[in-house]
Amino acid sequence: MSSALLFVHCGEAYDETEEEVQDETQELTERFQEQRDQMQAELKELRDEMDERISELSARIDAASDEASEGLEEAYAELVDERSELDRAIDDIGDATEETWADVRSESEEIYKDVSTRFSDWMESLEEEM
């Protein structure tokens, strides 16, 4: 009789442990998805801001003299390259799995920081020129 009670008790403990593991797994999955979505949204926001500046710069290039447009075209090319880097990071985040997330997240944070800093520096220098 006591072995039957022990077996029933062990079965209940196993069920509780399995449920706890499933809950923890679900929480980790949800946290991963939230972090991924947030990182992707931040990169998209920066990309959208860059798109606005790229459009403005394109209009300025069209209106500028040949001599003045030369420097603007260089800045335009740099911005387009930066934007491409953001697009790649956004795609990488979308393709990330829970297993690859740590590496993708680290790389994406670095890209965001670098591009954001260069973009801010570029905006400051552009404002000084105006």
N, C-alpha and C. Protein backbone atom coordinates (compact mmCIF):
# COMPACT_ATOMS: atom_id res chain seq x y z
N MET A 1 0.81 -1.18 0.00
CA MET A 1 0.00 0.00 0.00
C MET A 1 0.86 1.25 0.00
N SER A 2 1.91 1.25 0.83
CA SER A 2 2.76 2.44 0.90
C SER A 2 3.48 2.68 -0.42
N SER A 3 3.83 1.63 -1.14
CA SER A 3 4.49 1.83 -2.43
C SER A 3 3.51 2.41 -3.45
N ALA A 4 2.24 2.07 -3.35
CA ALA A 4 1.23 2.65 -4.24
C ALA A 4 1.07 4.13 -3.97
N LEU A 5 1.06 4.51 -2.68
CA LEU A 5 0.95 5.93 -2.33
C LEU A 5 2.19 6.70 -2.80
N LEU A 6 3.34 6.09 -2.66
CA LEU A 6 4.58 6.73 -3.10
C LEU A 6 4.55 6.94 -4.61
N PHE A 7 4.06 5.97 -5.36
CA PHE A 7 3.98 6.07 -6.80
C PHE A 7 3.02 7.19 -7.21
N VAL A 8 1.88 7.28 -6.57
CA VAL A 8 0.90 8.33 -6.87
C VAL A 8 1.50 9.69 -6.54
N HIS A 9 2.16 9.79 -5.40
CA HIS A 9 2.77 11.06 -4.99
C HIS A 9 3.87 11.48 -5.99
N CYS A 10 4.69 10.54 -6.43
CA CYS A 10 5.75 10.85 -7.39
C CYS A 10 5.15 11.29 -8.72
N GLY A 11 4.07 10.66 -9.12
CA GLY A 11 3.39 11.04 -10.36
C GLY A 11 2.88 12.46 -10.29
N GLU A 12 2.31 12.85 -9.15
CA GLU A 12 1.80 14.21 -8.98
C GLU A 12 2.95 15.21 -9.00
N ALA A 13 4.05 14.87 -8.33
CA ALA A 13 5.21 15.76 -8.30
C ALA A 13 5.78 15.93 -9.71
N TYR A 14 5.81 14.85 -10.48
CA TYR A 14 6.30 14.92 -11.86
C TYR A 14 5.42 15.84 -12.69
N ASP A 15 4.10 15.70 -12.55
CA ASP A 15 3.16 16.55 -13.29
C ASP A 15 3.35 18.02 -12.94
N GLU A 16 3.55 18.31 -11.65
CA GLU A 16 3.76 19.70 -11.22
C GLU A 16 5.07 20.24 -11.79
N THR A 17 6.11 19.43 -11.76
CA THR A 17 7.41 19.86 -12.29
C THR A 17 7.32 20.09 -13.79
N GLU A 18 6.65 19.21 -14.48
CA GLU A 18 6.50 19.35 -15.93
C GLU A 18 5.72 20.63 -16.26
N GLU A 19 4.70 20.92 -15.49
CA GLU A 19 3.92 22.13 -15.70
C GLU A 19 4.76 23.38 -15.44
N GLU A 20 5.58 23.34 -14.39
CA GLU A 20 6.47 24.47 -14.08
C GLU A 20 7.46 24.71 -15.21
N VAL A 21 8.02 23.63 -15.75
CA VAL A 21 8.97 23.75 -16.85
C VAL A 21 8.28 24.34 -18.07
N GLN A 22 7.07 23.90 -18.35
CA GLN A 22 6.32 24.45 -19.49
C GLN A 22 6.03 25.93 -19.29
N ASP A 23 5.68 26.31 -18.07
CA ASP A 23 5.42 27.73 -17.77
C ASP A 23 6.68 28.57 -17.96
N GLU A 24 7.80 28.07 -17.46
CA GLU A 24 9.07 28.79 -17.60
C GLU A 24 9.46 28.90 -19.07
N THR A 25 9.27 27.83 -19.81
CA THR A 25 9.58 27.85 -21.24
C THR A 25 8.72 28.87 -21.96
N GLN A 26 7.44 28.91 -21.63
CA GLN A 26 6.53 29.88 -22.23
C GLN A 26 6.95 31.31 -21.90
N GLU A 27 7.34 31.54 -20.65
CA GLU A 27 7.79 32.88 -20.24
C GLU A 27 9.04 33.29 -21.01
N LEU A 28 9.98 32.37 -21.17
CA LEU A 28 11.20 32.66 -21.92
C LEU A 28 10.89 32.97 -23.38
N THR A 29 9.98 32.21 -23.96
CA THR A 29 9.59 32.45 -25.34
C THR A 29 8.94 33.82 -25.49
N GLU A 30 8.06 34.16 -24.57
CA GLU A 30 7.40 35.47 -24.62
C GLU A 30 8.41 36.60 -24.44
N ARG A 31 9.36 36.42 -23.53
CA ARG A 31 10.39 37.45 -23.30
C ARG A 31 11.25 37.63 -24.55
N PHE A 32 11.62 36.52 -25.18
CA PHE A 32 12.39 36.57 -26.42
C PHE A 32 11.62 37.34 -27.48
N GLN A 33 10.34 37.03 -27.65
CA GLN A 33 9.54 37.69 -28.67
C GLN A 33 9.39 39.19 -28.39
N GLU A 34 9.20 39.54 -27.12
CA GLU A 34 9.09 40.96 -26.75
C GLU A 34 10.39 41.70 -27.03
N GLN A 35 11.51 41.11 -26.65
CA GLN A 35 12.81 41.75 -26.89
C GLN A 35 13.07 41.89 -28.38
N ARG A 36 12.76 40.85 -29.12
CA ARG A 36 12.98 40.88 -30.57
C ARG A 36 12.11 41.95 -31.22
N ASP A 37 10.84 42.01 -30.83
CA ASP A 37 9.93 43.00 -31.40
C ASP A 37 10.36 44.42 -31.05
N GLN A 38 10.81 44.62 -29.82
CA GLN A 38 11.24 45.95 -29.38
C GLN A 38 12.50 46.38 -30.15
N MET A 39 13.47 45.50 -30.28
CA MET A 39 14.70 45.82 -30.99
C MET A 39 14.40 46.13 -32.45
N GLN A 40 13.53 45.33 -33.04
CA GLN A 40 13.18 45.54 -34.43
C GLN A 40 12.46 46.88 -34.61
N ALA A 41 11.59 47.23 -33.68
CA ALA A 41 10.87 48.51 -33.75
C ALA A 41 11.83 49.69 -33.63
N GLU A 42 12.82 49.58 -32.75
CA GLU A 42 13.80 50.66 -32.58
C GLU A 42 14.62 50.85 -33.85
N LEU A 43 15.04 49.76 -34.47
CA LEU A 43 15.80 49.86 -35.70
C LEU A 43 14.95 50.42 -36.84
N LYS A 44 13.69 50.01 -36.90
CA LYS A 44 12.79 50.54 -37.93
C LYS A 44 12.54 52.03 -37.74
N GLU A 45 12.44 52.46 -36.50
CA GLU A 45 12.24 53.88 -36.22
C GLU A 45 13.45 54.70 -36.70
N LEU A 46 14.64 54.21 -36.42
CA LEU A 46 15.85 54.89 -36.88
C LEU A 46 15.90 54.88 -38.41
N ARG A 47 15.56 53.76 -39.01
CA ARG A 47 15.55 53.66 -40.47
C ARG A 47 14.56 54.65 -41.08
N ASP A 48 13.37 54.78 -40.47
CA ASP A 48 12.37 55.72 -40.98
C ASP A 48 12.87 57.16 -40.90
N GLU A 49 13.55 57.47 -39.80
CA GLU A 49 14.12 58.82 -39.66
C GLU A 49 15.19 59.05 -40.73
N MET A 50 15.99 58.03 -40.98
CA MET A 50 17.01 58.16 -42.02
C MET A 50 16.37 58.32 -43.39
N ASP A 51 15.27 57.60 -43.64
CA ASP A 51 14.57 57.74 -44.91
C ASP A 51 14.13 59.18 -45.15
N GLU A 52 13.63 59.82 -44.10
CA GLU A 52 13.22 61.22 -44.22
C GLU A 52 14.41 62.09 -44.61
N ARG A 53 15.52 61.89 -43.94
CA ARG A 53 16.72 62.70 -44.22
C ARG A 53 17.28 62.39 -45.60
N ILE A 54 17.21 61.15 -46.02
CA ILE A 54 17.67 60.79 -47.35
C ILE A 54 16.82 61.49 -48.40
N SER A 55 15.52 61.53 -48.21
CA SER A 55 14.63 62.23 -49.15
C SER A 55 14.94 63.72 -49.18
N GLU A 56 15.13 64.31 -48.00
CA GLU A 56 15.46 65.74 -47.94
C GLU A 56 16.79 66.01 -48.64
N LEU A 57 17.76 65.15 -48.41
CA LEU A 57 19.07 65.33 -49.01
C LEU A 57 18.99 65.17 -50.53
N SER A 58 18.19 64.24 -50.98
CA SER A 58 18.01 64.05 -52.42
C SER A 58 17.44 65.32 -53.06
N ALA A 59 16.48 65.94 -52.40
CA ALA A 59 15.90 67.18 -52.92
C ALA A 59 16.94 68.30 -52.93
N ARG A 60 17.78 68.35 -51.90
CA ARG A 60 18.83 69.37 -51.85
C ARG A 60 19.86 69.15 -52.95
N ILE A 61 20.16 67.90 -53.24
CA ILE A 61 21.11 67.59 -54.31
C ILE A 61 20.55 68.07 -55.64
N ASP A 62 19.28 67.81 -55.87
CA ASP A 62 18.64 68.23 -57.12
C ASP A 62 18.66 69.74 -57.28
N ALA A 63 18.53 70.46 -56.17
CA ALA A 63 18.46 71.92 -56.22
C ALA A 63 19.84 72.58 -56.18
N ALA A 64 20.88 71.84 -55.81
CA ALA A 64 22.21 72.42 -55.63
C ALA A 64 22.96 72.52 -56.96
N SER A 65 23.94 73.40 -56.96
CA SER A 65 24.82 73.51 -58.13
C SER A 65 25.67 72.24 -58.21
N ASP A 66 26.31 72.06 -59.35
CA ASP A 66 27.14 70.87 -59.53
C ASP A 66 28.24 70.78 -58.47
N GLU A 67 28.85 71.90 -58.18
CA GLU A 67 29.94 71.93 -57.20
C GLU A 67 29.43 71.60 -55.80
N ALA A 68 28.32 72.19 -55.42
CA ALA A 68 27.76 71.97 -54.08
C ALA A 68 27.19 70.56 -53.95
N SER A 69 26.65 70.03 -55.03
CA SER A 69 26.02 68.71 -54.95
C SER A 69 27.02 67.59 -54.76
N GLU A 70 28.29 67.85 -55.11
CA GLU A 70 29.31 66.82 -54.98
C GLU A 70 29.44 66.32 -53.53
N GLY A 71 29.56 67.24 -52.59
CA GLY A 71 29.66 66.86 -51.18
C GLY A 71 28.37 66.25 -50.66
N LEU A 72 27.26 66.75 -51.16
CA LEU A 72 25.96 66.21 -50.74
C LEU A 72 25.78 64.79 -51.24
N GLU A 73 26.25 64.52 -52.44
CA GLU A 73 26.12 63.17 -53.00
C GLU A 73 26.93 62.16 -52.19
N GLU A 74 28.08 62.60 -51.70
CA GLU A 74 28.89 61.73 -50.85
C GLU A 74 28.14 61.41 -49.55
N ALA A 75 27.56 62.43 -48.95
CA ALA A 75 26.77 62.24 -47.72
C ALA A 75 25.57 61.34 -48.00
N TYR A 76 24.95 61.54 -49.15
CA TYR A 76 23.80 60.73 -49.55
C TYR A 76 24.20 59.25 -49.63
N ALA A 77 25.32 58.98 -50.28
CA ALA A 77 25.79 57.59 -50.42
C ALA A 77 26.07 56.97 -49.06
N GLU A 78 26.66 57.74 -48.15
CA GLU A 78 26.93 57.22 -46.81
C GLU A 78 25.63 56.89 -46.08
N LEU A 79 24.64 57.77 -46.20
CA LEU A 79 23.35 57.51 -45.53
C LEU A 79 22.68 56.27 -46.10
N VAL A 80 22.74 56.11 -47.40
CA VAL A 80 22.12 54.93 -48.03
C VAL A 80 22.82 53.66 -47.55
N ASP A 81 24.14 53.71 -47.41
CA ASP A 81 24.88 52.55 -46.89
C ASP A 81 24.47 52.23 -45.45
N GLU A 82 24.34 53.28 -44.64
CA GLU A 82 23.92 53.10 -43.25
C GLU A 82 22.52 52.48 -43.20
N ARG A 83 21.65 52.96 -44.07
CA ARG A 83 20.28 52.46 -44.11
C ARG A 83 20.28 50.97 -44.48
N SER A 84 21.13 50.58 -45.42
CA SER A 84 21.24 49.17 -45.82
C SER A 84 21.69 48.31 -44.65
N GLU A 85 22.59 48.86 -43.85
CA GLU A 85 23.05 48.13 -42.66
C GLU A 85 21.89 47.90 -41.69
N LEU A 86 21.04 48.92 -41.54
CA LEU A 86 19.86 48.78 -40.67
C LEU A 86 18.90 47.73 -41.23
N ASP A 87 18.69 47.76 -42.54
CA ASP A 87 17.80 46.77 -43.16
C ASP A 87 18.29 45.35 -42.90
N ARG A 88 19.60 45.15 -43.02
CA ARG A 88 20.15 43.82 -42.77
C ARG A 88 19.92 43.39 -41.33
N ALA A 89 20.13 44.33 -40.40
CA ALA A 89 19.92 44.01 -38.98
C ALA A 89 18.45 43.70 -38.70
N ILE A 90 17.55 44.45 -39.32
CA ILE A 90 16.12 44.21 -39.14
C ILE A 90 15.76 42.82 -39.65
N ASP A 91 16.30 42.45 -40.81
CA ASP A 91 16.05 41.11 -41.36
C ASP A 91 16.62 40.03 -40.45
N ASP A 92 17.83 40.26 -39.94
CA ASP A 92 18.45 39.27 -39.05
C ASP A 92 17.61 39.07 -37.79
N ILE A 93 17.06 40.14 -37.26
CA ILE A 93 16.22 40.03 -36.07
C ILE A 93 14.97 39.23 -36.39
N GLY A 94 14.37 39.50 -37.54
CA GLY A 94 13.18 38.76 -37.93
C GLY A 94 13.43 37.27 -38.10
N ASP A 95 14.65 36.93 -38.49
CA ASP A 95 15.02 35.52 -38.70
C ASP A 95 15.55 34.85 -37.43
N ALA A 96 15.76 35.63 -36.39
CA ALA A 96 16.37 35.09 -35.16
C ALA A 96 15.46 34.07 -34.48
N THR A 97 16.10 33.08 -33.90
CA THR A 97 15.40 32.10 -33.09
C THR A 97 15.84 32.30 -31.65
N GLU A 98 15.20 31.60 -30.75
CA GLU A 98 15.61 31.70 -29.35
C GLU A 98 17.07 31.26 -29.19
N GLU A 99 17.49 30.31 -30.00
CA GLU A 99 18.86 29.80 -29.90
C GLU A 99 19.88 30.81 -30.42
N THR A 100 19.52 31.59 -31.43
CA THR A 100 20.47 32.54 -32.03
C THR A 100 20.30 33.96 -31.48
N TRP A 101 19.29 34.16 -30.63
CA TRP A 101 18.93 35.50 -30.21
C TRP A 101 20.07 36.26 -29.53
N ALA A 102 20.81 35.63 -28.66
CA ALA A 102 21.87 36.34 -27.92
C ALA A 102 22.87 36.98 -28.88
N ASP A 103 23.30 36.22 -29.89
CA ASP A 103 24.26 36.76 -30.86
C ASP A 103 23.63 37.84 -31.74
N VAL A 104 22.43 37.59 -32.22
CA VAL A 104 21.74 38.55 -33.09
C VAL A 104 21.46 39.83 -32.31
N ARG A 105 21.05 39.68 -31.09
CA ARG A 105 20.74 40.85 -30.25
C ARG A 105 21.99 41.71 -30.03
N SER A 106 23.08 41.06 -29.68
CA SER A 106 24.33 41.78 -29.44
C SER A 106 24.78 42.52 -30.70
N GLU A 107 24.75 41.85 -31.82
CA GLU A 107 25.15 42.46 -33.09
C GLU A 107 24.21 43.61 -33.45
N SER A 108 22.92 43.42 -33.27
CA SER A 108 21.94 44.46 -33.61
C SER A 108 22.07 45.67 -32.70
N GLU A 109 22.33 45.45 -31.43
CA GLU A 109 22.54 46.58 -30.51
C GLU A 109 23.76 47.39 -30.93
N GLU A 110 24.81 46.69 -31.34
CA GLU A 110 26.03 47.37 -31.80
C GLU A 110 25.76 48.17 -33.08
N ILE A 111 25.04 47.58 -34.00
CA ILE A 111 24.69 48.28 -35.24
C ILE A 111 23.85 49.51 -34.93
N TYR A 112 22.86 49.35 -34.06
CA TYR A 112 22.01 50.49 -33.71
C TYR A 112 22.84 51.61 -33.11
N LYS A 113 23.71 51.26 -32.18
CA LYS A 113 24.55 52.27 -31.52
C LYS A 113 25.45 52.97 -32.53
N ASP A 114 26.12 52.20 -33.37
CA ASP A 114 27.04 52.78 -34.35
C ASP A 114 26.32 53.66 -35.37
N VAL A 115 25.26 53.13 -35.95
CA VAL A 115 24.53 53.89 -36.97
C VAL A 115 23.89 55.12 -36.36
N SER A 116 23.32 54.98 -35.19
CA SER A 116 22.68 56.11 -34.52
C SER A 116 23.69 57.21 -34.22
N THR A 117 24.86 56.83 -33.75
CA THR A 117 25.91 57.82 -33.46
C THR A 117 26.38 58.51 -34.73
N ARG A 118 26.66 57.73 -35.76
CA ARG A 118 27.11 58.33 -37.02
C ARG A 118 26.03 59.22 -37.63
N PHE A 119 24.78 58.79 -37.52
CA PHE A 119 23.67 59.58 -38.05
C PHE A 119 23.54 60.90 -37.29
N SER A 120 23.64 60.85 -35.97
CA SER A 120 23.57 62.07 -35.16
C SER A 120 24.72 63.01 -35.49
N ASP A 121 25.92 62.45 -35.61
CA ASP A 121 27.08 63.27 -35.98
C ASP A 121 26.87 63.90 -37.35
N TRP A 122 26.35 63.12 -38.27
CA TRP A 122 26.10 63.63 -39.62
C TRP A 122 25.08 64.76 -39.59
N MET A 123 24.01 64.57 -38.81
CA MET A 123 22.97 65.61 -38.71
C MET A 123 23.55 66.90 -38.11
N GLU A 124 24.39 66.77 -37.10
CA GLU A 124 25.02 67.95 -36.49
C GLU A 124 25.89 68.68 -37.50
N SER A 125 26.69 67.95 -38.25
CA SER A 125 27.57 68.60 -39.22
C SER A 125 26.76 69.23 -40.35
N LEU A 126 25.67 68.62 -40.71
CA LEU A 126 24.81 69.19 -41.75
C LEU A 126 24.18 70.49 -41.27
N GLU A 127 23.74 70.51 -40.02
CA GLU A 127 23.14 71.73 -39.46
C GLU A 127 24.17 72.85 -39.38
N GLU A 128 25.42 72.50 -39.08
CA GLU A 128 26.48 73.51 -39.03
C GLU A 128 26.74 74.11 -40.40
N GLU A 129 26.63 73.29 -41.45
CA GLU A 129 26.85 73.77 -42.80
C GLU A 129 25.74 74.69 -43.28
N MET A 130 24.57 74.52 -42.71
CA MET A 130 23.44 75.33 -43.14
C MET A 130 23.49 76.62 -42.44
